[in-house]
Amino acid sequence: RRETALRLINPTEYAIAEQMYEGDSYLIAQALDVTVQVVED
């Protein structure tokens, strides 16, 4: 799970999405095209 999250999430894109969606995992997952589980991990 850790390796999947690191592999599929770009740190810069995550930071932008986290700020844009105020930490909402569902909206961040949609923006990054990953599952909510990957965002939570």
PDB file of all heavy atoms in Angstrom:
ATOM      1  N   ARG A   1       0.830  -1.206   0.000  1.00  0.00           N
ATOM      2  CA  ARG A   1       0.000   0.000   0.000  1.00  0.00           C
ATOM      3  C   ARG A   1       0.865   1.258   0.000  1.00  0.00           C
ATOM      4  O   ARG A   1       0.589   2.223  -0.715  1.00  0.00           O
ATOM      5  CB  ARG A   1      -0.955  -0.023   1.188  1.00  0.00           C
ATOM      6  CG  ARG A   1      -2.076  -1.038   0.972  1.00  0.00           C
ATOM      7  CD  ARG A   1      -2.952  -1.241   2.152  1.00  0.00           C
ATOM      8  NE  ARG A   1      -3.557   0.006   2.612  1.00  0.00           N
ATOM      9  CZ  ARG A   1      -4.492   0.048   3.546  1.00  0.00           C
ATOM     10  NH1 ARG A   1      -4.942  -1.059   4.093  1.00  0.00           N
ATOM     11  NH2 ARG A   1      -4.983   1.199   3.923  1.00  0.00           N
ATOM     12  N   ARG A   2       1.925   1.236   0.773  1.00  0.00           N
ATOM     13  CA  ARG A   2       2.845   2.382   0.832  1.00  0.00           C
ATOM     14  C   ARG A   2       3.514   2.606  -0.528  1.00  0.00           C
ATOM     15  O   ARG A   2       3.542   3.729  -1.038  1.00  0.00           O
ATOM     16  CB  ARG A   2       3.886   2.121   1.931  1.00  0.00           C
ATOM     17  CG  ARG A   2       4.856   3.247   2.144  1.00  0.00           C
ATOM     18  CD  ARG A   2       5.820   2.970   3.296  1.00  0.00           C
ATOM     19  NE  ARG A   2       6.601   1.765   3.070  1.00  0.00           N
ATOM     20  CZ  ARG A   2       6.502   0.632   3.795  1.00  0.00           C
ATOM     21  NH1 ARG A   2       5.651   0.557   4.787  1.00  0.00           N
ATOM     22  NH2 ARG A   2       7.262  -0.406   3.512  1.00  0.00           N
ATOM     23  N   GLU A   3       4.018   1.534  -1.125  1.00  0.00           N
ATOM     24  CA  GLU A   3       4.687   1.661  -2.425  1.00  0.00           C
ATOM     25  C   GLU A   3       3.732   2.126  -3.517  1.00  0.00           C
ATOM     26  O   GLU A   3       4.114   2.907  -4.394  1.00  0.00           O
ATOM     27  CB  GLU A   3       5.335   0.331  -2.807  1.00  0.00           C
ATOM     28  CG  GLU A   3       6.556   0.009  -1.985  1.00  0.00           C
ATOM     29  CD  GLU A   3       7.221  -1.300  -2.358  1.00  0.00           C
ATOM     30  OE1 GLU A   3       6.866  -1.896  -3.403  1.00  0.00           O
ATOM     31  OE2 GLU A   3       8.102  -1.739  -1.602  1.00  0.00           O
ATOM     32  N   THR A   4       2.500   1.654  -3.462  1.00  0.00           N
ATOM     33  CA  THR A   4       1.497   2.071  -4.448  1.00  0.00           C
ATOM     34  C   THR A   4       1.231   3.564  -4.339  1.00  0.00           C
ATOM     35  O   THR A   4       1.197   4.280  -5.344  1.00  0.00           O
ATOM     36  CB  THR A   4       0.202   1.266  -4.272  1.00  0.00           C
ATOM     37  OG1 THR A   4       0.494  -0.119  -4.443  1.00  0.00           O
ATOM     38  CG2 THR A   4      -0.864   1.700  -5.263  1.00  0.00           C
ATOM     39  N   ALA A   5       1.052   4.049  -3.125  1.00  0.00           N
ATOM     40  CA  ALA A   5       0.784   5.475  -2.917  1.00  0.00           C
ATOM     41  C   ALA A   5       1.952   6.320  -3.417  1.00  0.00           C
ATOM     42  O   ALA A   5       1.760   7.325  -4.118  1.00  0.00           O
ATOM     43  CB  ALA A   5       0.506   5.754  -1.445  1.00  0.00           C
ATOM     44  N   LEU A   6       3.166   5.916  -3.083  1.00  0.00           N
ATOM     45  CA  LEU A   6       4.342   6.684  -3.516  1.00  0.00           C
ATOM     46  C   LEU A   6       4.524   6.648  -5.029  1.00  0.00           C
ATOM     47  O   LEU A   6       4.992   7.611  -5.628  1.00  0.00           O
ATOM     48  CB  LEU A   6       5.599   6.144  -2.823  1.00  0.00           C
ATOM     49  CG  LEU A   6       5.687   6.453  -1.334  1.00  0.00           C
ATOM     50  CD1 LEU A   6       6.842   5.688  -0.697  1.00  0.00           C
ATOM     51  CD2 LEU A   6       5.815   7.949  -1.091  1.00  0.00           C
ATOM     52  N   ARG A   7       4.132   5.554  -5.618  1.00  0.00           N
ATOM     53  CA  ARG A   7       4.310   5.393  -7.067  1.00  0.00           C
ATOM     54  C   ARG A   7       3.271   6.170  -7.875  1.00  0.00           C
ATOM     55  O   ARG A   7       3.572   6.714  -8.932  1.00  0.00           O
ATOM     56  CB  ARG A   7       4.207   3.913  -7.396  1.00  0.00           C
ATOM     57  CG  ARG A   7       4.478   3.617  -8.831  1.00  0.00           C
ATOM     58  CD  ARG A   7       4.571   2.152  -9.024  1.00  0.00           C
ATOM     59  NE  ARG A   7       5.328   1.907 -10.231  1.00  0.00           N
ATOM     60  CZ  ARG A   7       5.525   0.734 -10.734  1.00  0.00           C
ATOM     61  NH1 ARG A   7       5.058  -0.328 -10.130  1.00  0.00           N
ATOM     62  NH2 ARG A   7       6.205   0.585 -11.835  1.00  0.00           N
ATOM     63  N   LEU A   8       2.049   6.207  -7.390  1.00  0.00           N
ATOM     64  CA  LEU A   8       0.958   6.780  -8.182  1.00  0.00           C
ATOM     65  C   LEU A   8       0.649   8.239  -7.871  1.00  0.00           C
ATOM     66  O   LEU A   8      -0.065   8.886  -8.637  1.00  0.00           O
ATOM     67  CB  LEU A   8      -0.314   5.942  -8.016  1.00  0.00           C
ATOM     68  CG  LEU A   8      -0.239   4.504  -8.521  1.00  0.00           C
ATOM     69  CD1 LEU A   8      -1.581   3.814  -8.328  1.00  0.00           C
ATOM     70  CD2 LEU A   8       0.198   4.446  -9.973  1.00  0.00           C
ATOM     71  N   ILE A   9       1.164   8.751  -6.764  1.00  0.00           N
ATOM     72  CA  ILE A   9       0.854  10.135  -6.406  1.00  0.00           C
ATOM     73  C   ILE A   9       2.091  11.009  -6.544  1.00  0.00           C
ATOM     74  O   ILE A   9       3.123  10.758  -5.929  1.00  0.00           O
ATOM     75  CB  ILE A   9       0.273  10.223  -4.976  1.00  0.00           C
ATOM     76  CG1 ILE A   9      -1.097   9.544  -4.945  1.00  0.00           C
ATOM     77  CG2 ILE A   9       0.178  11.679  -4.531  1.00  0.00           C
ATOM     78  CD1 ILE A   9      -1.818   9.621  -3.629  1.00  0.00           C
ATOM     79  N   ASN A  10       1.959  12.031  -7.364  1.00  0.00           N
ATOM     80  CA  ASN A  10       2.997  13.030  -7.533  1.00  0.00           C
ATOM     81  C   ASN A  10       2.879  14.019  -6.371  1.00  0.00           C
ATOM     82  O   ASN A  10       1.803  14.587  -6.161  1.00  0.00           O
ATOM     83  CB  ASN A  10       2.796  13.737  -8.879  1.00  0.00           C
ATOM     84  CG  ASN A  10       3.743  14.882  -9.077  1.00  0.00           C
ATOM     85  OD1 ASN A  10       3.667  15.899  -8.393  1.00  0.00           O
ATOM     86  ND2 ASN A  10       4.637  14.722 -10.033  1.00  0.00           N
ATOM     87  N   PRO A  11       3.951  14.240  -5.612  1.00  0.00           N
ATOM     88  CA  PRO A  11       3.858  15.107  -4.435  1.00  0.00           C
ATOM     89  C   PRO A  11       3.363  16.525  -4.730  1.00  0.00           C
ATOM     90  O   PRO A  11       2.573  17.073  -3.961  1.00  0.00           O
ATOM     91  CB  PRO A  11       5.298  15.142  -3.901  1.00  0.00           C
ATOM     92  CG  PRO A  11       5.927  13.901  -4.424  1.00  0.00           C
ATOM     93  CD  PRO A  11       5.279  13.638  -5.753  1.00  0.00           C
ATOM     94  N   THR A  12       3.789  17.101  -5.834  1.00  0.00           N
ATOM     95  CA  THR A  12       3.354  18.458  -6.173  1.00  0.00           C
ATOM     96  C   THR A  12       1.868  18.480  -6.511  1.00  0.00           C
ATOM     97  O   THR A  12       1.130  19.351  -6.027  1.00  0.00           O
ATOM     98  CB  THR A  12       4.185  19.011  -7.349  1.00  0.00           C
ATOM     99  OG1 THR A  12       5.567  18.972  -6.987  1.00  0.00           O
ATOM    100  CG2 THR A  12       3.771  20.433  -7.698  1.00  0.00           C
ATOM    101  N   GLU A  13       1.439  17.527  -7.322  1.00  0.00           N
ATOM    102  CA  GLU A  13       0.014  17.453  -7.672  1.00  0.00           C
ATOM    103  C   GLU A  13      -0.841  17.193  -6.432  1.00  0.00           C
ATOM    104  O   GLU A  13      -1.933  17.752  -6.291  1.00  0.00           O
ATOM    105  CB  GLU A  13      -0.213  16.365  -8.715  1.00  0.00           C
ATOM    106  CG  GLU A  13       0.381  16.695 -10.066  1.00  0.00           C
ATOM    107  CD  GLU A  13       0.266  15.542 -11.059  1.00  0.00           C
ATOM    108  OE1 GLU A  13      -0.321  14.491 -10.727  1.00  0.00           O
ATOM    109  OE2 GLU A  13       0.789  15.703 -12.184  1.00  0.00           O
ATOM    110  N   TYR A  14      -0.330  16.360  -5.528  1.00  0.00           N
ATOM    111  CA  TYR A  14      -1.063  16.087  -4.295  1.00  0.00           C
ATOM    112  C   TYR A  14      -1.211  17.369  -3.465  1.00  0.00           C
ATOM    113  O   TYR A  14      -2.297  17.678  -2.983  1.00  0.00           O
ATOM    114  CB  TYR A  14      -0.380  14.997  -3.461  1.00  0.00           C
ATOM    115  CG  TYR A  14      -1.092  14.814  -2.147  1.00  0.00           C
ATOM    116  CD1 TYR A  14      -2.220  13.998  -2.058  1.00  0.00           C
ATOM    117  CD2 TYR A  14      -0.689  15.504  -1.010  1.00  0.00           C
ATOM    118  CE1 TYR A  14      -2.910  13.873  -0.871  1.00  0.00           C
ATOM    119  CE2 TYR A  14      -1.373  15.378   0.184  1.00  0.00           C
ATOM    120  CZ  TYR A  14      -2.483  14.565   0.245  1.00  0.00           C
ATOM    121  OH  TYR A  14      -3.177  14.446   1.416  1.00  0.00           O
ATOM    122  N   ALA A  15      -0.111  18.112  -3.299  1.00  0.00           N
ATOM    123  CA  ALA A  15      -0.151  19.328  -2.487  1.00  0.00           C
ATOM    124  C   ALA A  15      -1.154  20.333  -3.043  1.00  0.00           C
ATOM    125  O   ALA A  15      -1.913  20.946  -2.289  1.00  0.00           O
ATOM    126  CB  ALA A  15       1.247  19.950  -2.411  1.00  0.00           C
ATOM    127  N   ILE A  16      -1.185  20.466  -4.352  1.00  0.00           N
ATOM    128  CA  ILE A  16      -2.137  21.381  -4.983  1.00  0.00           C
ATOM    129  C   ILE A  16      -3.565  20.911  -4.734  1.00  0.00           C
ATOM    130  O   ILE A  16      -4.436  21.687  -4.343  1.00  0.00           O
ATOM    131  CB  ILE A  16      -1.843  21.511  -6.495  1.00  0.00           C
ATOM    132  CG1 ILE A  16      -0.508  22.224  -6.707  1.00  0.00           C
ATOM    133  CG2 ILE A  16      -2.985  22.229  -7.212  1.00  0.00           C
ATOM    134  CD1 ILE A  16       0.024  22.134  -8.131  1.00  0.00           C
ATOM    135  N   ALA A  17      -3.805  19.607  -4.958  1.00  0.00           N
ATOM    136  CA  ALA A  17      -5.154  19.062  -4.766  1.00  0.00           C
ATOM    137  C   ALA A  17      -5.588  19.137  -3.306  1.00  0.00           C
ATOM    138  O   ALA A  17      -6.737  19.456  -3.002  1.00  0.00           O
ATOM    139  CB  ALA A  17      -5.218  17.616  -5.264  1.00  0.00           C
ATOM    140  N   GLU A  18      -4.660  18.886  -2.394  1.00  0.00           N
ATOM    141  CA  GLU A  18      -5.011  18.943  -0.971  1.00  0.00           C
ATOM    142  C   GLU A  18      -5.439  20.346  -0.568  1.00  0.00           C
ATOM    143  O   GLU A  18      -6.428  20.529   0.147  1.00  0.00           O
ATOM    144  CB  GLU A  18      -3.833  18.484  -0.112  1.00  0.00           C
ATOM    145  CG  GLU A  18      -4.195  18.429   1.368  1.00  0.00           C
ATOM    146  CD  GLU A  18      -3.060  17.949   2.225  1.00  0.00           C
ATOM    147  OE1 GLU A  18      -1.950  18.512   2.127  1.00  0.00           O
ATOM    148  OE2 GLU A  18      -3.290  17.006   2.996  1.00  0.00           O
ATOM    149  N   GLN A  19      -4.718  21.330  -1.069  1.00  0.00           N
ATOM    150  CA  GLN A  19      -5.075  22.710  -0.756  1.00  0.00           C
ATOM    151  C   GLN A  19      -6.384  23.101  -1.445  1.00  0.00           C
ATOM    152  O   GLN A  19      -7.265  23.698  -0.839  1.00  0.00           O
ATOM    153  CB  GLN A  19      -3.959  23.649  -1.179  1.00  0.00           C
ATOM    154  CG  GLN A  19      -4.215  25.079  -0.771  1.00  0.00           C
ATOM    155  CD  GLN A  19      -3.015  25.959  -1.028  1.00  0.00           C
ATOM    156  OE1 GLN A  19      -2.119  25.617  -1.789  1.00  0.00           O
ATOM    157  NE2 GLN A  19      -2.984  27.117  -0.392  1.00  0.00           N
ATOM    158  N   MET A  20      -6.519  22.719  -2.702  1.00  0.00           N
ATOM    159  CA  MET A  20      -7.708  23.071  -3.475  1.00  0.00           C
ATOM    160  C   MET A  20      -8.978  22.467  -2.871  1.00  0.00           C
ATOM    161  O   MET A  20     -10.024  23.116  -2.817  1.00  0.00           O
ATOM    162  CB  MET A  20      -7.541  22.591  -4.922  1.00  0.00           C
ATOM    163  CG  MET A  20      -8.668  22.999  -5.855  1.00  0.00           C
ATOM    164  SD  MET A  20      -8.390  22.392  -7.540  1.00  0.00           S
ATOM    165  CE  MET A  20      -6.854  23.175  -7.937  1.00  0.00           C
ATOM    166  N   TYR A  21      -8.879  21.222  -2.394  1.00  0.00           N
ATOM    167  CA  TYR A  21     -10.055  20.506  -1.893  1.00  0.00           C
ATOM    168  C   TYR A  21     -10.075  20.396  -0.372  1.00  0.00           C
ATOM    169  O   TYR A  21     -10.802  19.579   0.182  1.00  0.00           O
ATOM    170  CB  TYR A  21     -10.143  19.133  -2.550  1.00  0.00           C
ATOM    171  CG  TYR A  21     -10.282  19.234  -4.048  1.00  0.00           C
ATOM    172  CD1 TYR A  21      -9.275  18.791  -4.888  1.00  0.00           C
ATOM    173  CD2 TYR A  21     -11.413  19.819  -4.620  1.00  0.00           C
ATOM    174  CE1 TYR A  21      -9.392  18.902  -6.261  1.00  0.00           C
ATOM    175  CE2 TYR A  21     -11.538  19.940  -5.990  1.00  0.00           C
ATOM    176  CZ  TYR A  21     -10.518  19.485  -6.800  1.00  0.00           C
ATOM    177  OH  TYR A  21     -10.634  19.613  -8.171  1.00  0.00           O
ATOM    178  N   GLU A  22      -9.250  21.216   0.285  1.00  0.00           N
ATOM    179  CA  GLU A  22      -9.226  21.319   1.747  1.00  0.00           C
ATOM    180  C   GLU A  22      -9.099  19.957   2.425  1.00  0.00           C
ATOM    181  O   GLU A  22      -9.736  19.686   3.432  1.00  0.00           O
ATOM    182  CB  GLU A  22     -10.461  22.072   2.239  1.00  0.00           C
ATOM    183  CG  GLU A  22     -10.529  23.486   1.694  1.00  0.00           C
ATOM    184  CD  GLU A  22     -11.776  24.236   2.088  1.00  0.00           C
ATOM    185  OE1 GLU A  22     -12.726  23.621   2.610  1.00  0.00           O
ATOM    186  OE2 GLU A  22     -11.795  25.458   1.869  1.00  0.00           O
ATOM    187  N   GLY A  23      -8.268  19.091   1.843  1.00  0.00           N
ATOM    188  CA  GLY A  23      -7.989  17.799   2.453  1.00  0.00           C
ATOM    189  C   GLY A  23      -9.034  16.723   2.231  1.00  0.00           C
ATOM    190  O   GLY A  23      -8.888  15.613   2.752  1.00  0.00           O
ATOM    191  N   ASP A  24     -10.083  16.988   1.462  1.00  0.00           N
ATOM    192  CA  ASP A  24     -11.135  15.997   1.218  1.00  0.00           C
ATOM    193  C   ASP A  24     -10.581  14.852   0.362  1.00  0.00           C
ATOM    194  O   ASP A  24     -10.290  15.027  -0.819  1.00  0.00           O
ATOM    195  CB  ASP A  24     -12.314  16.664   0.515  1.00  0.00           C
ATOM    196  CG  ASP A  24     -13.492  15.727   0.319  1.00  0.00           C
ATOM    197  OD1 ASP A  24     -13.322  14.683  -0.361  1.00  0.00           O
ATOM    198  OD2 ASP A  24     -14.581  16.026   0.835  1.00  0.00           O
ATOM    199  N   SER A  25     -10.438  13.683   0.976  1.00  0.00           N
ATOM    200  CA  SER A  25      -9.806  12.542   0.301  1.00  0.00           C
ATOM    201  C   SER A  25     -10.528  12.135  -0.976  1.00  0.00           C
ATOM    202  O   SER A  25      -9.886  11.765  -1.967  1.00  0.00           O
ATOM    203  CB  SER A  25      -9.718  11.345   1.245  1.00  0.00           C
ATOM    204  OG  SER A  25      -8.860  11.642   2.313  1.00  0.00           O
ATOM    205  N   TYR A  26     -11.844  12.175  -0.966  1.00  0.00           N
ATOM    206  CA  TYR A  26     -12.609  11.770  -2.151  1.00  0.00           C
ATOM    207  C   TYR A  26     -12.318  12.704  -3.329  1.00  0.00           C
ATOM    208  O   TYR A  26     -12.036  12.244  -4.436  1.00  0.00           O
ATOM    209  CB  TYR A  26     -14.104  11.750  -1.830  1.00  0.00           C
ATOM    210  CG  TYR A  26     -14.952  11.396  -3.026  1.00  0.00           C
ATOM    211  CD1 TYR A  26     -15.076  10.072  -3.444  1.00  0.00           C
ATOM    212  CD2 TYR A  26     -15.605  12.385  -3.753  1.00  0.00           C
ATOM    213  CE1 TYR A  26     -15.837   9.739  -4.544  1.00  0.00           C
ATOM    214  CE2 TYR A  26     -16.373  12.066  -4.864  1.00  0.00           C
ATOM    215  CZ  TYR A  26     -16.487  10.738  -5.255  1.00  0.00           C
ATOM    216  OH  TYR A  26     -17.242  10.413  -6.363  1.00  0.00           O
ATOM    217  N   LEU A  27     -12.354  14.001  -3.074  1.00  0.00           N
ATOM    218  CA  LEU A  27     -12.117  14.968  -4.146  1.00  0.00           C
ATOM    219  C   LEU A  27     -10.656  14.926  -4.615  1.00  0.00           C
ATOM    220  O   LEU A  27     -10.373  15.064  -5.812  1.00  0.00           O
ATOM    221  CB  LEU A  27     -12.505  16.371  -3.688  1.00  0.00           C
ATOM    222  CG  LEU A  27     -13.998  16.576  -3.417  1.00  0.00           C
ATOM    223  CD1 LEU A  27     -14.256  17.967  -2.853  1.00  0.00           C
ATOM    224  CD2 LEU A  27     -14.824  16.318  -4.665  1.00  0.00           C
ATOM    225  N   ILE A  28      -9.738  14.719  -3.680  1.00  0.00           N
ATOM    226  CA  ILE A  28      -8.323  14.595  -4.054  1.00  0.00           C
ATOM    227  C   ILE A  28      -8.133  13.364  -4.930  1.00  0.00           C
ATOM    228  O   ILE A  28      -7.448  13.414  -5.957  1.00  0.00           O
ATOM    229  CB  ILE A  28      -7.431  14.520  -2.802  1.00  0.00           C
ATOM    230  CG1 ILE A  28      -7.469  15.848  -2.028  1.00  0.00           C
ATOM    231  CG2 ILE A  28      -5.989  14.166  -3.181  1.00  0.00           C
ATOM    232  CD1 ILE A  28      -6.845  15.779  -0.642  1.00  0.00           C
ATOM    233  N   ALA A  29      -8.753  12.257  -4.549  1.00  0.00           N
ATOM    234  CA  ALA A  29      -8.640  11.016  -5.330  1.00  0.00           C
ATOM    235  C   ALA A  29      -9.171  11.228  -6.743  1.00  0.00           C
ATOM    236  O   ALA A  29      -8.546  10.788  -7.717  1.00  0.00           O
ATOM    237  CB  ALA A  29      -9.392   9.879  -4.635  1.00  0.00           C
ATOM    238  N   GLN A  30     -10.291  11.909  -6.861  1.00  0.00           N
ATOM    239  CA  GLN A  30     -10.836  12.192  -8.191  1.00  0.00           C
ATOM    240  C   GLN A  30      -9.868  13.035  -9.008  1.00  0.00           C
ATOM    241  O   GLN A  30      -9.638  12.758 -10.186  1.00  0.00           O
ATOM    242  CB  GLN A  30     -12.182  12.913  -8.082  1.00  0.00           C
ATOM    243  CG  GLN A  30     -13.330  11.997  -7.739  1.00  0.00           C
ATOM    244  CD  GLN A  30     -14.647  12.738  -7.874  1.00  0.00           C
ATOM    245  OE1 GLN A  30     -14.804  13.859  -7.402  1.00  0.00           O
ATOM    246  NE2 GLN A  30     -15.596  12.087  -8.520  1.00  0.00           N
ATOM    247  N   ALA A  31      -9.299  14.045  -8.394  1.00  0.00           N
ATOM    248  CA  ALA A  31      -8.386  14.939  -9.103  1.00  0.00           C
ATOM    249  C   ALA A  31      -7.123  14.206  -9.554  1.00  0.00           C
ATOM    250  O   ALA A  31      -6.583  14.498 -10.623  1.00  0.00           O
ATOM    251  CB  ALA A  31      -8.019  16.123  -8.210  1.00  0.00           C
ATOM    252  N   LEU A  32      -6.653  13.260  -8.748  1.00  0.00           N
ATOM    253  CA  LEU A  32      -5.404  12.557  -9.053  1.00  0.00           C
ATOM    254  C   LEU A  32      -5.624  11.235  -9.788  1.00  0.00           C
ATOM    255  O   LEU A  32      -4.659  10.542 -10.115  1.00  0.00           O
ATOM    256  CB  LEU A  32      -4.618  12.315  -7.761  1.00  0.00           C
ATOM    257  CG  LEU A  32      -4.242  13.567  -6.967  1.00  0.00           C
ATOM    258  CD1 LEU A  32      -3.484  13.187  -5.705  1.00  0.00           C
ATOM    259  CD2 LEU A  32      -3.445  14.531  -7.816  1.00  0.00           C
ATOM    260  N   ASP A  33      -6.884  10.877 -10.017  1.00  0.00           N
ATOM    261  CA  ASP A  33      -7.235   9.656 -10.739  1.00  0.00           C
ATOM    262  C   ASP A  33      -6.727   8.398 -10.037  1.00  0.00           C
ATOM    263  O   ASP A  33      -6.165   7.493 -10.660  1.00  0.00           O
ATOM    264  CB  ASP A  33      -6.721   9.715 -12.187  1.00  0.00           C
ATOM    265  CG  ASP A  33      -7.490   8.784 -13.110  1.00  0.00           C
ATOM    266  OD1 ASP A  33      -8.688   8.552 -12.861  1.00  0.00           O
ATOM    267  OD2 ASP A  33      -6.894   8.282 -14.078  1.00  0.00           O
ATOM    268  N   VAL A  34      -6.918   8.379  -8.711  1.00  0.00           N
ATOM    269  CA  VAL A  34      -6.572   7.217  -7.899  1.00  0.00           C
ATOM    270  C   VAL A  34      -7.746   6.912  -6.979  1.00  0.00           C
ATOM    271  O   VAL A  34      -8.713   7.669  -6.914  1.00  0.00           O
ATOM    272  CB  VAL A  34      -5.289   7.455  -7.064  1.00  0.00           C
ATOM    273  CG1 VAL A  34      -4.072   7.645  -7.965  1.00  0.00           C
ATOM    274  CG2 VAL A  34      -5.437   8.621  -6.102  1.00  0.00           C
ATOM    275  N   THR A  35      -7.646   5.821  -6.246  1.00  0.00           N
ATOM    276  CA  THR A  35      -8.697   5.474  -5.289  1.00  0.00           C
ATOM    277  C   THR A  35      -8.539   6.285  -4.005  1.00  0.00           C
ATOM    278  O   THR A  35      -7.450   6.792  -3.701  1.00  0.00           O
ATOM    279  CB  THR A  35      -8.653   3.978  -4.937  1.00  0.00           C
ATOM    280  OG1 THR A  35      -7.408   3.696  -4.286  1.00  0.00           O
ATOM    281  CG2 THR A  35      -8.821   3.101  -6.172  1.00  0.00           C
ATOM    282  N   VAL A  36      -9.607   6.367  -3.255  1.00  0.00           N
ATOM    283  CA  VAL A  36      -9.560   7.034  -1.956  1.00  0.00           C
ATOM    284  C   VAL A  36      -8.554   6.307  -1.057  1.00  0.00           C
ATOM    285  O   VAL A  36      -7.827   6.953  -0.291  1.00  0.00           O
ATOM    286  CB  VAL A  36     -10.965   7.092  -1.311  1.00  0.00           C
ATOM    287  CG1 VAL A  36     -10.890   7.586   0.125  1.00  0.00           C
ATOM    288  CG2 VAL A  36     -11.892   7.974  -2.141  1.00  0.00           C
ATOM    289  N   GLN A  37      -8.489   4.985  -1.150  1.00  0.00           N
ATOM    290  CA  GLN A  37      -7.534   4.219  -0.340  1.00  0.00           C
ATOM    291  C   GLN A  37      -6.102   4.669  -0.603  1.00  0.00           C
ATOM    292  O   GLN A  37      -5.307   4.829   0.333  1.00  0.00           O
ATOM    293  CB  GLN A  37      -7.666   2.726  -0.611  1.00  0.00           C
ATOM    294  CG  GLN A  37      -6.737   1.859   0.235  1.00  0.00           C
ATOM    295  CD  GLN A  37      -7.092   1.934   1.706  1.00  0.00           C
ATOM    296  OE1 GLN A  37      -8.165   1.531   2.091  1.00  0.00           O
ATOM    297  NE2 GLN A  37      -6.191   2.451   2.519  1.00  0.00           N
ATOM    298  N   VAL A  38      -5.757   4.888  -1.856  1.00  0.00           N
ATOM    299  CA  VAL A  38      -4.403   5.334  -2.190  1.00  0.00           C
ATOM    300  C   VAL A  38      -4.147   6.715  -1.588  1.00  0.00           C
ATOM    301  O   VAL A  38      -3.069   6.970  -1.034  1.00  0.00           O
ATOM    302  CB  VAL A  38      -4.165   5.318  -3.724  1.00  0.00           C
ATOM    303  CG1 VAL A  38      -2.851   5.991  -4.089  1.00  0.00           C
ATOM    304  CG2 VAL A  38      -4.192   3.883  -4.242  1.00  0.00           C
ATOM    305  N   VAL A  39      -5.120   7.602  -1.638  1.00  0.00           N
ATOM    306  CA  VAL A  39      -4.974   8.928  -1.031  1.00  0.00           C
ATOM    307  C   VAL A  39      -4.806   8.792   0.476  1.00  0.00           C
ATOM    308  O   VAL A  39      -3.925   9.431   1.080  1.00  0.00           O
ATOM    309  CB  VAL A  39      -6.170   9.844  -1.374  1.00  0.00           C
ATOM    310  CG1 VAL A  39      -6.154  11.119  -0.530  1.00  0.00           C
ATOM    311  CG2 VAL A  39      -6.166  10.183  -2.852  1.00  0.00           C
ATOM    312  N   GLU A  40      -5.617   7.968   1.105  1.00  0.00           N
ATOM    313  CA  GLU A  40      -5.509   7.772   2.562  1.00  0.00           C
ATOM    314  C   GLU A  40      -4.146   7.196   2.935  1.00  0.00           C
ATOM    315  O   GLU A  40      -3.549   7.598   3.936  1.00  0.00           O
ATOM    316  CB  GLU A  40      -6.641   6.866   3.064  1.00  0.00           C
ATOM    317  CG  GLU A  40      -8.004   7.512   3.016  1.00  0.00           C
ATOM    318  CD  GLU A  40      -8.128   8.723   3.932  1.00  0.00           C
ATOM    319  OE1 GLU A  40      -7.583   8.697   5.054  1.00  0.00           O
ATOM    320  OE2 GLU A  40      -8.759   9.721   3.522  1.00  0.00           O
ATOM    321  N   ASP A  41      -3.644   6.267   2.141  1.00  0.00           N
ATOM    322  CA  ASP A  41      -2.318   5.700   2.402  1.00  0.00           C
ATOM    323  C   ASP A  41      -1.233   6.762   2.250  1.00  0.00           C
ATOM    324  O   ASP A  41      -0.283   6.807   3.040  1.00  0.00           O
ATOM    325  CB  ASP A  41      -2.040   4.515   1.464  1.00  0.00           C
ATOM    326  CG  ASP A  41      -2.925   3.321   1.752  1.00  0.00           C
ATOM    327  OD1 ASP A  41      -3.452   3.210   2.884  1.00  0.00           O
ATOM    328  OD2 ASP A  41      -3.101   2.492   0.843  1.00  0.00           O
TER     329      ASP A  41
END
